[in-house]
Every structure is written in C-alpha cells, then in structure tokens.
Amino acid sequence: MRLARIHGHVVSTAKHASLEGWRLLIAQPISGDGTADGPPQIVIDCLGAGIQQTVLITSDGSEARKLVGSELSPARWSVCGLVDPERALAV
C-alpha cells in the first residue's frame, strides 16, 4: 500500500471490457511529507475519492481483478482507503 493524491479522472473512448462502468482516476504516489514519489498510476476507484484527496492505493493486481470480476483484466492498481485529513498524523 502507498499514499497517493488524486489528480484527475481518466477518460477513455476504448478500454478493456472488464473496466466498463468503473471509475478510473490518476493517482500520484506521495511520500510522508507530501512530495511526489514515483510516476502517477491509473487506479480503479470504488470508494468515491475526490480530486486532491489523499488515499491509500494498492498494486495488488489479484485484488483489482477480483474487484472488476475478471481474471483477464489488465487492472493492477486500486484505491483501498480514503485518508481522513482530520485524523492523519504528520510523519
């Protein structure tokens, strides 16, 4: 799991059938101090994350494929938690 900040929505005219109906977002992994930590990732969001919200993302492709219901899906990254800024501790 990694901390990430949501930067936007993904719009696609063509995508794998297993991703139809799923909300796809651009998530920028961040370090504890909020700076970028690696390349942005496209993530599946079933939790309703908002733009600029800090989230937890996972690269567990097996879980992402279970989420979309297809073992043939190219899904790898997904949002697995929303970070509450009121309760987050500074690192």
C-alpha atoms as a PDB file:
ATOM      1  CA  MET A   1       0.000   0.000   0.000  1.00  0.00           C
ATOM      2  CA  ARG A   2       1.107   3.536  -0.739  1.00  0.00           C
ATOM      3  CA  LEU A   3      -0.113   7.033  -0.012  1.00  0.00           C
ATOM      4  CA  ALA A   4      -1.234   8.913  -3.116  1.00  0.00           C
ATOM      5  CA  ARG A   5      -3.021  12.116  -4.076  1.00  0.00           C
ATOM      6  CA  ILE A   6      -5.788  12.052  -6.667  1.00  0.00           C
ATOM      7  CA  HIS A   7      -5.056  14.394  -9.579  1.00  0.00           C
ATOM      8  CA  GLY A   8      -7.879  13.746 -12.010  1.00  0.00           C
ATOM      9  CA  HIS A   9     -10.228  11.435 -13.881  1.00  0.00           C
ATOM     10  CA  VAL A  10      -9.317   9.141 -16.752  1.00  0.00           C
ATOM     11  CA  VAL A  11     -11.467   9.475 -19.868  1.00  0.00           C
ATOM     12  CA  SER A  12     -11.215   6.723 -22.452  1.00  0.00           C
ATOM     13  CA  THR A  13     -13.074   6.086 -25.689  1.00  0.00           C
ATOM     14  CA  ALA A  14     -11.852   2.483 -25.739  1.00  0.00           C
ATOM     15  CA  LYS A  15     -10.941   0.315 -22.779  1.00  0.00           C
ATOM     16  CA  HIS A  16     -10.856  -3.310 -21.720  1.00  0.00           C
ATOM     17  CA  ALA A  17     -14.360  -4.731 -21.247  1.00  0.00           C
ATOM     18  CA  SER A  18     -13.634  -5.537 -17.579  1.00  0.00           C
ATOM     19  CA  LEU A  19     -13.164  -1.810 -16.859  1.00  0.00           C
ATOM     20  CA  GLU A  20     -16.525  -0.716 -18.297  1.00  0.00           C
ATOM     21  CA  GLY A  21     -18.529   1.117 -15.644  1.00  0.00           C
ATOM     22  CA  TRP A  22     -15.592   1.531 -13.258  1.00  0.00           C
ATOM     23  CA  ARG A  23     -14.337   4.943 -12.204  1.00  0.00           C
ATOM     24  CA  LEU A  24     -10.682   5.383 -13.173  1.00  0.00           C
ATOM     25  CA  LEU A  25      -8.533   8.080 -11.564  1.00  0.00           C
ATOM     26  CA  ILE A  26      -4.987   9.409 -11.831  1.00  0.00           C
ATOM     27  CA  ALA A  27      -3.197   8.918  -8.514  1.00  0.00           C
ATOM     28  CA  GLN A  28       0.228  10.414  -7.787  1.00  0.00           C
ATOM     29  CA  PRO A  29       2.085   8.353  -5.146  1.00  0.00           C
ATOM     30  CA  ILE A  30       3.464  10.606  -2.405  1.00  0.00           C
ATOM     31  CA  SER A  31       5.929  10.300   0.455  1.00  0.00           C
ATOM     32  CA  GLY A  32       5.065  11.094   4.055  1.00  0.00           C
ATOM     33  CA  ASP A  33       5.876  14.780   3.535  1.00  0.00           C
ATOM     34  CA  GLY A  34       3.542  15.037   0.527  1.00  0.00           C
ATOM     35  CA  THR A  35       6.143  15.150  -2.251  1.00  0.00           C
ATOM     36  CA  ALA A  36       5.777  13.044  -5.396  1.00  0.00           C
ATOM     37  CA  ASP A  37       7.244   9.558  -5.034  1.00  0.00           C
ATOM     38  CA  GLY A  38       7.280   7.834  -8.408  1.00  0.00           C
ATOM     39  CA  PRO A  39       5.186   8.042 -11.557  1.00  0.00           C
ATOM     40  CA  PRO A  40       1.398   8.624 -11.496  1.00  0.00           C
ATOM     41  CA  GLN A  41      -0.769   5.493 -11.658  1.00  0.00           C
ATOM     42  CA  ILE A  42      -4.214   4.849 -13.085  1.00  0.00           C
ATOM     43  CA  VAL A  43      -6.321   3.361 -10.297  1.00  0.00           C
ATOM     44  CA  ILE A  44      -9.781   1.829 -10.032  1.00  0.00           C
ATOM     45  CA  ASP A  45     -11.898   3.718  -7.506  1.00  0.00           C
ATOM     46  CA  CYS A  46     -14.875   2.106  -5.801  1.00  0.00           C
ATOM     47  CA  LEU A  47     -14.737   4.369  -2.718  1.00  0.00           C
ATOM     48  CA  GLY A  48     -15.568   7.759  -4.253  1.00  0.00           C
ATOM     49  CA  ALA A  49     -12.230   9.537  -3.846  1.00  0.00           C
ATOM     50  CA  GLY A  50     -12.220  13.227  -4.750  1.00  0.00           C
ATOM     51  CA  ILE A  51      -9.735  15.372  -6.650  1.00  0.00           C
ATOM     52  CA  GLN A  52      -6.756  16.379  -4.422  1.00  0.00           C
ATOM     53  CA  GLN A  53      -7.823  13.849  -1.776  1.00  0.00           C
ATOM     54  CA  THR A  54      -5.147  11.704  -0.157  1.00  0.00           C
ATOM     55  CA  VAL A  55      -5.836   7.987  -0.486  1.00  0.00           C
ATOM     56  CA  LEU A  56      -4.215   4.613   0.039  1.00  0.00           C
ATOM     57  CA  ILE A  57      -3.597   2.679  -3.168  1.00  0.00           C
ATOM     58  CA  THR A  58      -2.520  -0.914  -3.664  1.00  0.00           C
ATOM     59  CA  SER A  59      -0.739  -2.601  -6.546  1.00  0.00           C
ATOM     60  CA  ASP A  60      -2.269  -5.988  -5.723  1.00  0.00           C
ATOM     61  CA  GLY A  61      -3.385  -6.940  -9.224  1.00  0.00           C
ATOM     62  CA  SER A  62      -5.127 -10.068  -7.962  1.00  0.00           C
ATOM     63  CA  GLU A  63      -7.417  -7.977  -5.750  1.00  0.00           C
ATOM     64  CA  ALA A  64      -8.041  -5.462  -8.546  1.00  0.00           C
ATOM     65  CA  ARG A  65      -9.047  -8.291 -10.904  1.00  0.00           C
ATOM     66  CA  LYS A  66     -11.387  -9.715  -8.231  1.00  0.00           C
ATOM     67  CA  LEU A  67     -12.875  -6.245  -7.806  1.00  0.00           C
ATOM     68  CA  VAL A  68     -13.750  -5.953 -11.511  1.00  0.00           C
ATOM     69  CA  GLY A  69     -14.767  -9.612 -11.726  1.00  0.00           C
ATOM     70  CA  SER A  70     -12.380 -10.737 -14.457  1.00  0.00           C
ATOM     71  CA  GLU A  71      -9.181 -12.767 -14.199  1.00  0.00           C
ATOM     72  CA  LEU A  72      -8.269 -11.490 -17.690  1.00  0.00           C
ATOM     73  CA  SER A  73      -8.461  -7.821 -16.701  1.00  0.00           C
ATOM     74  CA  PRO A  74      -5.339  -5.645 -17.055  1.00  0.00           C
ATOM     75  CA  ALA A  75      -6.294  -3.962 -13.745  1.00  0.00           C
ATOM     76  CA  ARG A  76      -3.455  -3.655 -11.240  1.00  0.00           C
ATOM     77  CA  TRP A  77      -3.885  -0.557  -9.043  1.00  0.00           C
ATOM     78  CA  SER A  78      -6.934   0.282  -6.921  1.00  0.00           C
ATOM     79  CA  VAL A  79      -7.941   2.669  -4.153  1.00  0.00           C
ATOM     80  CA  CYS A  80      -8.155   0.710  -0.902  1.00  0.00           C
ATOM     81  CA  GLY A  81      -8.685   3.554   1.582  1.00  0.00           C
ATOM     82  CA  LEU A  82      -9.504   7.233   1.988  1.00  0.00           C
ATOM     83  CA  VAL A  83      -7.277   9.262   4.316  1.00  0.00           C
ATOM     84  CA  ASP A  84      -9.143  11.470   6.777  1.00  0.00           C
ATOM     85  CA  PRO A  85      -7.138  14.732   6.970  1.00  0.00           C
ATOM     86  CA  GLU A  86      -8.568  15.456  10.428  1.00  0.00           C
ATOM     87  CA  ARG A  87      -7.041  12.256  11.831  1.00  0.00           C
ATOM     88  CA  ALA A  88      -3.873  11.932   9.746  1.00  0.00           C
ATOM     89  CA  LEU A  89      -0.659  12.204  11.700  1.00  0.00           C
ATOM     90  CA  ALA A  90       2.252  14.231  10.356  1.00  0.00           C
ATOM     91  CA  VAL A  91       5.199  11.996   9.539  1.00  0.00           C
END
